């Protein structure tokens, strides 16, 4: 049961991340938010695989999951900064300066450190050890600072509902991260990780609403159409693997990996299908001698 629930959470986070990227990957706020959701989905996948792989490989997947959980918080800090309005006074630190600090400092430093830690190149990064606590502080403190800045600038952010949604989601996301990184025995790690997915979904919705407002678009219909299409594709292809697992292959690592890969591929094909068609239509062979040309009117 936990496998199928976590697979739904994995698919939902993966879809929302790719949906944001497909809207316009050139926009930093969409790119950071989308990659953060994708990293969370990969953390869920690593946790599922950790429970079914042979014992020698469990430590590797546990380490990957531990540090993949840090990545969404780091990327969401950079995305949240872009929701802030630019300061009208040059003497104050505004959005552009904070974004430059994240882009040239905190972001690359944090991601590089996490990559080294996930690969086992840094000592003392096991949960509870000093380097681990330092990484947690590096990720959580800027996220808390972003929450304070959002609340301070709430009247200047448009549309108005975005700041409330983003603030609540950021607060619960930070609390969920703290509970996951410093467990107090109140909630199992698996449930804490799944709860963080709801907070990330709210943050993703806030970013999508902000971008739709900036572009003058209606978000609800487009997002619902994308969600239903992605869910249908994932159910059509991933459902077949899920039936095989339910029939008796629940503990086999290859089947779990196949289930996750099938869901991910089906959602990605749906999310980027329209963009891929437009890209292929502009390729040289589309304009070649054998290509399709409009029929002249008689």
C-alpha atoms as a PDB file:
ATOM      1  CA  UNK A   1       0.000   0.000   0.000  1.00  0.00           C
ATOM      2  CA  UNK A   2       2.810   2.396   0.885  1.00  0.00           C
ATOM      3  CA  UNK A   3       4.438   1.687  -2.475  1.00  0.00           C
ATOM      4  CA  UNK A   4       1.380   2.751  -4.453  1.00  0.00           C
ATOM      5  CA  UNK A   5       0.744   5.813  -2.269  1.00  0.00           C
ATOM      6  CA  UNK A   6       4.357   6.936  -2.645  1.00  0.00           C
ATOM      7  CA  UNK A   7       4.135   6.284  -6.400  1.00  0.00           C
ATOM      8  CA  UNK A   8       1.163   8.653  -6.628  1.00  0.00           C
ATOM      9  CA  UNK A   9       3.098  11.306  -4.697  1.00  0.00           C
ATOM     10  CA  UNK A  10       6.110  10.706  -6.957  1.00  0.00           C
ATOM     11  CA  UNK A  11       3.983  11.094 -10.079  1.00  0.00           C
ATOM     12  CA  UNK A  12       2.243  14.220  -8.786  1.00  0.00           C
ATOM     13  CA  UNK A  13       5.494  15.985  -7.894  1.00  0.00           C
ATOM     14  CA  UNK A  14       7.117  14.903 -11.159  1.00  0.00           C
ATOM     15  CA  UNK A  15       4.152  16.182 -13.191  1.00  0.00           C
ATOM     16  CA  UNK A  16       3.987  19.561 -11.447  1.00  0.00           C
ATOM     17  CA  UNK A  17       7.740  20.034 -11.807  1.00  0.00           C
ATOM     18  CA  UNK A  18       7.667  19.251 -15.511  1.00  0.00           C
ATOM     19  CA  UNK A  19       4.533  21.361 -15.975  1.00  0.00           C
ATOM     20  CA  UNK A  20       6.356  24.405 -14.611  1.00  0.00           C
ATOM     21  CA  UNK A  21       9.393  23.685 -16.786  1.00  0.00           C
ATOM     22  CA  UNK A  22       7.206  23.219 -19.867  1.00  0.00           C
ATOM     23  CA  UNK A  23       5.521  26.591 -19.324  1.00  0.00           C
ATOM     24  CA  UNK A  24       8.807  28.358 -20.046  1.00  0.00           C
ATOM     25  CA  UNK A  25      12.108  26.812 -18.982  1.00  0.00           C
ATOM     26  CA  UNK A  26      13.887  30.086 -19.770  1.00  0.00           C
ATOM     27  CA  UNK A  27      12.280  31.814 -16.766  1.00  0.00           C
ATOM     28  CA  UNK A  28      14.456  31.364 -13.661  1.00  0.00           C
ATOM     29  CA  UNK A  29      11.514  31.162 -11.262  1.00  0.00           C
ATOM     30  CA  UNK A  30       9.842  28.374 -13.229  1.00  0.00           C
ATOM     31  CA  UNK A  31      13.139  26.580 -13.758  1.00  0.00           C
ATOM     32  CA  UNK A  32      14.064  26.613 -10.069  1.00  0.00           C
ATOM     33  CA  UNK A  33      10.586  25.663  -8.890  1.00  0.00           C
ATOM     34  CA  UNK A  34      10.262  22.892 -11.454  1.00  0.00           C
ATOM     35  CA  UNK A  35      13.670  21.405 -10.737  1.00  0.00           C
ATOM     36  CA  UNK A  36      12.944  21.567  -7.007  1.00  0.00           C
ATOM     37  CA  UNK A  37       9.791  19.506  -7.458  1.00  0.00           C
ATOM     38  CA  UNK A  38      11.627  17.063  -9.734  1.00  0.00           C
ATOM     39  CA  UNK A  39      14.352  16.656  -7.092  1.00  0.00           C
ATOM     40  CA  UNK A  40      11.699  15.926  -4.475  1.00  0.00           C
ATOM     41  CA  UNK A  41      10.177  13.279  -6.751  1.00  0.00           C
ATOM     42  CA  UNK A  42      13.617  11.673  -7.141  1.00  0.00           C
ATOM     43  CA  UNK A  43      14.001  11.687  -3.340  1.00  0.00           C
ATOM     44  CA  UNK A  44      10.720   9.770  -3.039  1.00  0.00           C
ATOM     45  CA  UNK A  45      11.915   7.330  -5.708  1.00  0.00           C
ATOM     46  CA  UNK A  46      15.236   6.811  -3.901  1.00  0.00           C
ATOM     47  CA  UNK A  47      13.357   6.025  -0.698  1.00  0.00           C
ATOM     48  CA  UNK A  48      11.192   3.444  -2.455  1.00  0.00           C
ATOM     49  CA  UNK A  49      14.197   1.767  -4.072  1.00  0.00           C
ATOM     50  CA  UNK A  50      16.123   1.797  -0.788  1.00  0.00           C
ATOM     51  CA  UNK A  51      13.508  -0.512   0.730  1.00  0.00           C
ATOM     52  CA  UNK A  52      13.689  -3.150  -2.024  1.00  0.00           C
ATOM     53  CA  UNK A  53      17.319  -3.245  -3.220  1.00  0.00           C
ATOM     54  CA  UNK A  54      19.814  -5.748  -1.762  1.00  0.00           C
ATOM     55  CA  UNK A  55      21.485  -4.814   1.522  1.00  0.00           C
ATOM     56  CA  UNK A  56      24.849  -3.690   0.020  1.00  0.00           C
ATOM     57  CA  UNK A  57      23.056  -1.034  -2.056  1.00  0.00           C
ATOM     58  CA  UNK A  58      20.692   0.255   0.613  1.00  0.00           C
ATOM     59  CA  UNK A  59      23.270   2.633   2.086  1.00  0.00           C
ATOM     60  CA  UNK A  60      23.783   4.256  -1.333  1.00  0.00           C
ATOM     61  CA  UNK A  61      20.064   4.909  -1.874  1.00  0.00           C
ATOM     62  CA  UNK A  62      19.640   6.088   1.714  1.00  0.00           C
ATOM     63  CA  UNK A  63      22.437   8.625   1.201  1.00  0.00           C
ATOM     64  CA  UNK A  64      20.958   9.756  -2.114  1.00  0.00           C
ATOM     65  CA  UNK A  65      17.541  10.241  -0.545  1.00  0.00           C
ATOM     66  CA  UNK A  66      18.978  12.155   2.403  1.00  0.00           C
ATOM     67  CA  UNK A  67      20.701  14.736   0.234  1.00  0.00           C
ATOM     68  CA  UNK A  68      18.067  14.893  -2.505  1.00  0.00           C
ATOM     69  CA  UNK A  69      15.689  16.128   0.203  1.00  0.00           C
ATOM     70  CA  UNK A  70      17.946  19.171   0.679  1.00  0.00           C
ATOM     71  CA  UNK A  71      17.809  20.159  -2.999  1.00  0.00           C
ATOM     72  CA  UNK A  72      14.142  21.308  -3.138  1.00  0.00           C
ATOM     73  CA  UNK A  73      14.645  23.640  -0.161  1.00  0.00           C
ATOM     74  CA  UNK A  74      17.723  25.160  -1.773  1.00  0.00           C
ATOM     75  CA  UNK A  75      16.059  25.663  -5.151  1.00  0.00           C
ATOM     76  CA  UNK A  76      12.847  26.924  -3.625  1.00  0.00           C
ATOM     77  CA  UNK A  77      14.791  29.570  -1.752  1.00  0.00           C
ATOM     78  CA  UNK A  78      15.964  30.876  -5.125  1.00  0.00           C
ATOM     79  CA  UNK A  79      12.438  30.655  -6.585  1.00  0.00           C
ATOM     80  CA  UNK A  80      10.817  32.422  -3.643  1.00  0.00           C
ATOM     81  CA  UNK A  81      13.258  35.318  -3.935  1.00  0.00           C
ATOM     82  CA  UNK A  82      11.903  36.015  -7.417  1.00  0.00           C
ATOM     83  CA  UNK A  83       8.388  36.470  -6.032  1.00  0.00           C
ATOM     84  CA  UNK A  84       9.605  39.519  -4.121  1.00  0.00           C
ATOM     85  CA  UNK A  85       9.090  42.998  -5.608  1.00  0.00           C
ATOM     86  CA  UNK A  86      12.111  45.078  -6.538  1.00  0.00           C
ATOM     87  CA  UNK A  87      12.957  47.642  -3.866  1.00  0.00           C
ATOM     88  CA  UNK A  88      12.221  51.237  -5.001  1.00  0.00           C
ATOM     89  CA  UNK A  89      15.097  52.540  -2.866  1.00  0.00           C
ATOM     90  CA  UNK A  90      18.652  51.793  -4.078  1.00  0.00           C
ATOM     91  CA  UNK A  91      19.908  51.815  -0.496  1.00  0.00           C
ATOM     92  CA  UNK A  92      17.785  48.785   0.383  1.00  0.00           C
ATOM     93  CA  UNK A  93      18.561  45.218  -0.596  1.00  0.00           C
ATOM     94  CA  UNK A  94      16.040  44.328  -3.294  1.00  0.00           C
ATOM     95  CA  UNK A  95      15.120  41.296  -5.305  1.00  0.00           C
ATOM     96  CA  UNK A  96      17.863  41.688  -7.902  1.00  0.00           C
ATOM     97  CA  UNK A  97      20.645  41.837  -5.328  1.00  0.00           C
ATOM     98  CA  UNK A  98      19.270  38.904  -3.344  1.00  0.00           C
ATOM     99  CA  UNK A  99      18.850  36.866  -6.512  1.00  0.00           C
ATOM    100  CA  UNK A 100      22.415  37.645  -7.569  1.00  0.00           C
ATOM    101  CA  UNK A 101      23.635  36.527  -4.141  1.00  0.00           C
ATOM    102  CA  UNK A 102      21.738  33.252  -4.486  1.00  0.00           C
ATOM    103  CA  UNK A 103      22.698  32.722  -8.141  1.00  0.00           C
ATOM    104  CA  UNK A 104      26.409  33.363  -7.711  1.00  0.00           C
ATOM    105  CA  UNK A 105      26.874  32.233  -4.117  1.00  0.00           C
ATOM    106  CA  UNK A 106      24.395  30.186  -2.132  1.00  0.00           C
ATOM    107  CA  UNK A 107      22.940  28.208  -5.041  1.00  0.00           C
ATOM    108  CA  UNK A 108      26.156  26.860  -6.632  1.00  0.00           C
ATOM    109  CA  UNK A 109      27.846  26.415  -3.250  1.00  0.00           C
ATOM    110  CA  UNK A 110      24.914  24.512  -1.807  1.00  0.00           C
ATOM    111  CA  UNK A 111      24.342  22.292  -4.845  1.00  0.00           C
ATOM    112  CA  UNK A 112      28.054  21.520  -5.166  1.00  0.00           C
ATOM    113  CA  UNK A 113      28.330  20.622  -1.490  1.00  0.00           C
ATOM    114  CA  UNK A 114      25.256  18.403  -1.672  1.00  0.00           C
ATOM    115  CA  UNK A 115      26.635  16.610  -4.740  1.00  0.00           C
ATOM    116  CA  UNK A 116      29.912  15.895  -2.932  1.00  0.00           C
ATOM    117  CA  UNK A 117      28.065  14.728   0.173  1.00  0.00           C
ATOM    118  CA  UNK A 118      25.750  12.446  -1.811  1.00  0.00           C
ATOM    119  CA  UNK A 119      28.784  10.886  -3.487  1.00  0.00           C
ATOM    120  CA  UNK A 120      30.400  10.203  -0.125  1.00  0.00           C
ATOM    121  CA  UNK A 121      33.286  12.622  -0.749  1.00  0.00           C
ATOM    122  CA  UNK A 122      32.665  14.655   2.423  1.00  0.00           C
ATOM    123  CA  UNK A 123      33.259  13.155   5.879  1.00  0.00           C
ATOM    124  CA  UNK A 124      30.854  13.600   8.765  1.00  0.00           C
ATOM    125  CA  UNK A 125      27.681  13.968   6.676  1.00  0.00           C
ATOM    126  CA  UNK A 126      25.692  11.143   8.239  1.00  0.00           C
ATOM    127  CA  UNK A 127      22.451  12.320   9.913  1.00  0.00           C
ATOM    128  CA  UNK A 128      23.250  13.914  13.259  1.00  0.00           C
ATOM    129  CA  UNK A 129      26.937  14.539  12.559  1.00  0.00           C
ATOM    130  CA  UNK A 130      28.409  18.093  12.459  1.00  0.00           C
ATOM    131  CA  UNK A 131      28.693  18.422   8.670  1.00  0.00           C
ATOM    132  CA  UNK A 132      25.100  17.228   8.291  1.00  0.00           C
ATOM    133  CA  UNK A 133      23.860  19.824  10.769  1.00  0.00           C
ATOM    134  CA  UNK A 134      25.831  22.502   8.927  1.00  0.00           C
ATOM    135  CA  UNK A 135      24.211  21.510   5.622  1.00  0.00           C
ATOM    136  CA  UNK A 136      20.778  21.610   7.234  1.00  0.00           C
ATOM    137  CA  UNK A 137      21.446  25.108   8.562  1.00  0.00           C
ATOM    138  CA  UNK A 138      22.753  26.201   5.132  1.00  0.00           C
ATOM    139  CA  UNK A 139      19.441  25.135   3.585  1.00  0.00           C
ATOM    140  CA  UNK A 140      16.866  25.984   6.253  1.00  0.00           C
ATOM    141  CA  UNK A 141      18.072  29.398   7.420  1.00  0.00           C
ATOM    142  CA  UNK A 142      17.840  31.078   3.968  1.00  0.00           C
ATOM    143  CA  UNK A 143      14.409  29.479   3.504  1.00  0.00           C
ATOM    144  CA  UNK A 144      13.274  31.025   6.798  1.00  0.00           C
ATOM    145  CA  UNK A 145      14.689  34.365   5.696  1.00  0.00           C
ATOM    146  CA  UNK A 146      12.684  34.167   2.462  1.00  0.00           C
ATOM    147  CA  UNK A 147       9.511  33.555   4.456  1.00  0.00           C
ATOM    148  CA  UNK A 148      10.174  36.680   6.521  1.00  0.00           C
ATOM    149  CA  UNK A 149      10.782  38.727   3.353  1.00  0.00           C
ATOM    150  CA  UNK A 150       7.568  37.415   1.768  1.00  0.00           C
ATOM    151  CA  UNK A 151       5.525  38.436   4.777  1.00  0.00           C
ATOM    152  CA  UNK A 152       7.195  41.842   4.885  1.00  0.00           C
ATOM    153  CA  UNK A 153       6.472  42.549   1.211  1.00  0.00           C
ATOM    154  CA  UNK A 154       3.035  40.921   1.101  1.00  0.00           C
ATOM    155  CA  UNK A 155       1.184  44.115   0.113  1.00  0.00           C
ATOM    156  CA  UNK A 156       3.395  44.751  -2.916  1.00  0.00           C
ATOM    157  CA  UNK A 157       3.156  41.265  -4.461  1.00  0.00           C
ATOM    158  CA  UNK A 158       0.521  40.665  -7.145  1.00  0.00           C
ATOM    159  CA  UNK A 159      -1.706  38.753  -7.422  1.00  0.00           C
ATOM    160  CA  UNK A 160      -2.590  39.081  -3.753  1.00  0.00           C
ATOM    161  CA  UNK A 161      -3.469  35.427  -3.161  1.00  0.00           C
ATOM    162  CA  UNK A 162      -0.013  34.267  -4.210  1.00  0.00           C
ATOM    163  CA  UNK A 163       1.825  35.682  -1.212  1.00  0.00           C
ATOM    164  CA  UNK A 164      -0.577  34.072   1.267  1.00  0.00           C
ATOM    165  CA  UNK A 165      -0.377  30.694  -0.429  1.00  0.00           C
ATOM    166  CA  UNK A 166       3.390  30.887  -0.802  1.00  0.00           C
ATOM    167  CA  UNK A 167       3.877  32.039   2.797  1.00  0.00           C
ATOM    168  CA  UNK A 168       1.769  29.262   4.308  1.00  0.00           C
ATOM    169  CA  UNK A 169       3.352  26.636   2.071  1.00  0.00           C
ATOM    170  CA  UNK A 170       6.877  27.903   2.819  1.00  0.00           C
ATOM    171  CA  UNK A 171       6.176  27.820   6.559  1.00  0.00           C
ATOM    172  CA  UNK A 172       4.898  24.246   6.518  1.00  0.00           C
ATOM    173  CA  UNK A 173       7.619  23.210   4.085  1.00  0.00           C
ATOM    174  CA  UNK A 174      10.283  24.551   6.448  1.00  0.00           C
ATOM    175  CA  UNK A 175       8.621  22.831   9.413  1.00  0.00           C
ATOM    176  CA  UNK A 176       8.383  19.571   7.462  1.00  0.00           C
ATOM    177  CA  UNK A 177      12.026  19.807   6.457  1.00  0.00           C
ATOM    178  CA  UNK A 178      13.030  20.452  10.063  1.00  0.00           C
ATOM    179  CA  UNK A 179      10.982  17.458  11.229  1.00  0.00           C
ATOM    180  CA  UNK A 180      12.540  15.278   8.553  1.00  0.00           C
ATOM    181  CA  UNK A 181      16.117  16.408   9.174  1.00  0.00           C
ATOM    182  CA  UNK A 182      15.838  16.453  12.970  1.00  0.00           C
ATOM    183  CA  UNK A 183      13.310  13.700  13.772  1.00  0.00           C
ATOM    184  CA  UNK A 184      11.692  13.841  17.208  1.00  0.00           C
ATOM    185  CA  UNK A 185       9.812  10.576  16.906  1.00  0.00           C
ATOM    186  CA  UNK A 186       6.537  12.415  16.240  1.00  0.00           C
ATOM    187  CA  UNK A 187       6.156  11.190  12.679  1.00  0.00           C
ATOM    188  CA  UNK A 188       7.726   8.388  10.669  1.00  0.00           C
ATOM    189  CA  UNK A 189      10.276   9.559   8.115  1.00  0.00           C
ATOM    190  CA  UNK A 190       8.229   8.208   5.208  1.00  0.00           C
ATOM    191  CA  UNK A 191       5.113  10.139   6.266  1.00  0.00           C
ATOM    192  CA  UNK A 192       7.105  13.310   6.908  1.00  0.00           C
ATOM    193  CA  UNK A 193       8.562  13.064   3.390  1.00  0.00           C
ATOM    194  CA  UNK A 194       5.121  12.570   1.858  1.00  0.00           C
ATOM    195  CA  UNK A 195       3.716  15.515   3.846  1.00  0.00           C
ATOM    196  CA  UNK A 196       6.449  17.748   2.422  1.00  0.00           C
ATOM    197  CA  UNK A 197       5.089  16.865  -1.020  1.00  0.00           C
ATOM    198  CA  UNK A 198       1.803  18.646  -0.222  1.00  0.00           C
ATOM    199  CA  UNK A 199       3.692  21.783   0.810  1.00  0.00           C
ATOM    200  CA  UNK A 200       5.748  21.667  -2.374  1.00  0.00           C
ATOM    201  CA  UNK A 201       2.563  21.284  -4.429  1.00  0.00           C
ATOM    202  CA  UNK A 202       1.166  24.455  -2.832  1.00  0.00           C
ATOM    203  CA  UNK A 203       4.411  26.298  -3.568  1.00  0.00           C
ATOM    204  CA  UNK A 204       4.306  25.078  -7.159  1.00  0.00           C
ATOM    205  CA  UNK A 205       0.720  26.253  -7.477  1.00  0.00           C
ATOM    206  CA  UNK A 206       1.711  29.683  -6.131  1.00  0.00           C
ATOM    207  CA  UNK A 207       4.517  30.019  -8.683  1.00  0.00           C
ATOM    208  CA  UNK A 208       2.268  28.852 -11.531  1.00  0.00           C
ATOM    209  CA  UNK A 209      -0.423  31.368 -10.490  1.00  0.00           C
ATOM    210  CA  UNK A 210       2.151  34.157 -10.329  1.00  0.00           C
ATOM    211  CA  UNK A 211       3.480  33.303 -13.801  1.00  0.00           C
ATOM    212  CA  UNK A 212      -0.034  33.071 -15.270  1.00  0.00           C
ATOM    213  CA  UNK A 213      -0.842  36.495 -13.798  1.00  0.00           C
ATOM    214  CA  UNK A 214       2.347  37.931 -15.312  1.00  0.00           C
ATOM    215  CA  UNK A 215       1.462  36.464 -18.713  1.00  0.00           C
ATOM    216  CA  UNK A 216      -2.210  37.434 -18.530  1.00  0.00           C
ATOM    217  CA  UNK A 217      -3.345  33.799 -18.803  1.00  0.00           C
ATOM    218  CA  UNK A 218      -6.077  31.747 -17.140  1.00  0.00           C
ATOM    219  CA  UNK A 219      -4.295  29.025 -15.200  1.00  0.00           C
ATOM    220  CA  UNK A 220      -7.053  26.726 -13.980  1.00  0.00           C
ATOM    221  CA  UNK A 221      -8.163  25.227 -17.277  1.00  0.00           C
ATOM    222  CA  UNK A 222      -4.638  24.732 -18.647  1.00  0.00           C
ATOM    223  CA  UNK A 223      -3.365  23.132 -15.434  1.00  0.00           C
ATOM    224  CA  UNK A 224      -6.389  20.850 -15.100  1.00  0.00           C
ATOM    225  CA  UNK A 225      -6.023  19.711 -18.712  1.00  0.00           C
ATOM    226  CA  UNK A 226      -2.336  18.949 -18.152  1.00  0.00           C
ATOM    227  CA  UNK A 227      -3.033  17.105 -14.889  1.00  0.00           C
ATOM    228  CA  UNK A 228      -5.743  14.912 -16.373  1.00  0.00           C
ATOM    229  CA  UNK A 229      -3.621  14.094 -19.421  1.00  0.00           C
ATOM    230  CA  UNK A 230      -0.566  13.235 -17.332  1.00  0.00           C
ATOM    231  CA  UNK A 231      -2.624  11.158 -14.890  1.00  0.00           C
ATOM    232  CA  UNK A 232      -4.217   9.264 -17.767  1.00  0.00           C
ATOM    233  CA  UNK A 233      -0.854   8.531 -19.393  1.00  0.00           C
ATOM    234  CA  UNK A 234       0.708   7.434 -16.093  1.00  0.00           C
ATOM    235  CA  UNK A 235      -2.276   5.216 -15.274  1.00  0.00           C
ATOM    236  CA  UNK A 236      -2.356   3.666 -18.743  1.00  0.00           C
ATOM    237  CA  UNK A 237       1.311   2.643 -18.749  1.00  0.00           C
ATOM    238  CA  UNK A 238       2.260   2.530 -15.079  1.00  0.00           C
ATOM    239  CA  UNK A 239      -0.967   0.763 -14.143  1.00  0.00           C
ATOM    240  CA  UNK A 240       0.115  -2.328 -16.056  1.00  0.00           C
ATOM    241  CA  UNK A 241       3.328  -2.570 -14.054  1.00  0.00           C
ATOM    242  CA  UNK A 242       1.392  -1.906 -10.837  1.00  0.00           C
ATOM    243  CA  UNK A 243      -0.890  -4.865 -11.607  1.00  0.00           C
ATOM    244  CA  UNK A 244       2.126  -7.146 -12.014  1.00  0.00           C
ATOM    245  CA  UNK A 245       3.532  -5.924  -8.694  1.00  0.00           C
ATOM    246  CA  UNK A 246       0.173  -6.419  -6.966  1.00  0.00           C
ATOM    247  CA  UNK A 247       0.038  -9.949  -8.360  1.00  0.00           C
ATOM    248  CA  UNK A 248       3.153 -10.999  -6.475  1.00  0.00           C
ATOM    249  CA  UNK A 249       6.264  -9.040  -7.504  1.00  0.00           C
ATOM    250  CA  UNK A 250       6.008  -6.434  -4.731  1.00  0.00           C
ATOM    251  CA  UNK A 251       9.467  -7.015  -3.292  1.00  0.00           C
ATOM    252  CA  UNK A 252      11.435  -7.038  -6.542  1.00  0.00           C
ATOM    253  CA  UNK A 253      13.648  -4.010  -7.067  1.00  0.00           C
ATOM    254  CA  UNK A 254      13.568  -4.201 -10.911  1.00  0.00           C
ATOM    255  CA  UNK A 255       9.767  -4.078 -10.913  1.00  0.00           C
ATOM    256  CA  UNK A 256       9.663  -1.069  -8.577  1.00  0.00           C
ATOM    257  CA  UNK A 257      12.286   0.690 -10.712  1.00  0.00           C
ATOM    258  CA  UNK A 258      10.269  -0.146 -13.846  1.00  0.00           C
ATOM    259  CA  UNK A 259       7.096   1.249 -12.254  1.00  0.00           C
ATOM    260  CA  UNK A 260       8.769   4.557 -11.386  1.00  0.00           C
ATOM    261  CA  UNK A 261      10.527   4.834 -14.752  1.00  0.00           C
ATOM    262  CA  UNK A 262       7.283   4.121 -16.627  1.00  0.00           C
ATOM    263  CA  UNK A 263       5.360   6.748 -14.668  1.00  0.00           C
ATOM    264  CA  UNK A 264       8.147   9.291 -15.167  1.00  0.00           C
ATOM    265  CA  UNK A 265       8.450   8.628 -18.903  1.00  0.00           C
ATOM    266  CA  UNK A 266       4.683   8.749 -19.496  1.00  0.00           C
ATOM    267  CA  UNK A 267       4.323  12.068 -17.674  1.00  0.00           C
ATOM    268  CA  UNK A 268       7.374  13.556 -19.396  1.00  0.00           C
ATOM    269  CA  UNK A 269       6.067  12.541 -22.824  1.00  0.00           C
ATOM    270  CA  UNK A 270       2.779  14.269 -22.075  1.00  0.00           C
ATOM    271  CA  UNK A 271       4.336  17.387 -20.517  1.00  0.00           C
ATOM    272  CA  UNK A 272       6.804  18.019 -23.331  1.00  0.00           C
ATOM    273  CA  UNK A 273       4.853  16.463 -26.197  1.00  0.00           C
ATOM    274  CA  UNK A 274       3.468  19.731 -27.544  1.00  0.00           C
ATOM    275  CA  UNK A 275       6.836  21.477 -27.351  1.00  0.00           C
ATOM    276  CA  UNK A 276       8.547  18.545 -29.079  1.00  0.00           C
ATOM    277  CA  UNK A 277       6.044  18.707 -31.930  1.00  0.00           C
ATOM    278  CA  UNK A 278       6.693  22.420 -32.420  1.00  0.00           C
ATOM    279  CA  UNK A 279      10.443  21.799 -32.363  1.00  0.00           C
ATOM    280  CA  UNK A 280      10.220  19.021 -34.964  1.00  0.00           C
ATOM    281  CA  UNK A 281       8.022  21.205 -37.162  1.00  0.00           C
ATOM    282  CA  UNK A 282      10.862  23.754 -37.355  1.00  0.00           C
ATOM    283  CA  UNK A 283      13.537  21.187 -38.293  1.00  0.00           C
ATOM    284  CA  UNK A 284      15.113  21.436 -41.769  1.00  0.00           C
ATOM    285  CA  UNK A 285      13.573  18.190 -42.983  1.00  0.00           C
ATOM    286  CA  UNK A 286      10.118  19.695 -42.436  1.00  0.00           C
ATOM    287  CA  UNK A 287      10.937  22.211 -45.177  1.00  0.00           C
ATOM    288  CA  UNK A 288      12.697  19.781 -47.513  1.00  0.00           C
ATOM    289  CA  UNK A 289      11.523  18.694 -50.954  1.00  0.00           C
ATOM    290  CA  UNK A 290       9.523  15.855 -49.429  1.00  0.00           C
ATOM    291  CA  UNK A 291       8.090  17.937 -46.640  1.00  0.00           C
ATOM    292  CA  UNK A 292       4.495  18.944 -46.371  1.00  0.00           C
ATOM    293  CA  UNK A 293       3.591  22.177 -48.119  1.00  0.00           C
ATOM    294  CA  UNK A 294       0.296  24.013 -48.025  1.00  0.00           C
ATOM    295  CA  UNK A 295      -1.969  23.185 -50.947  1.00  0.00           C
ATOM    296  CA  UNK A 296      -2.513  26.176 -53.281  1.00  0.00           C
ATOM    297  CA  UNK A 297      -6.067  27.458 -53.414  1.00  0.00           C
ATOM    298  CA  UNK A 298      -7.827  27.109 -56.748  1.00  0.00           C
END
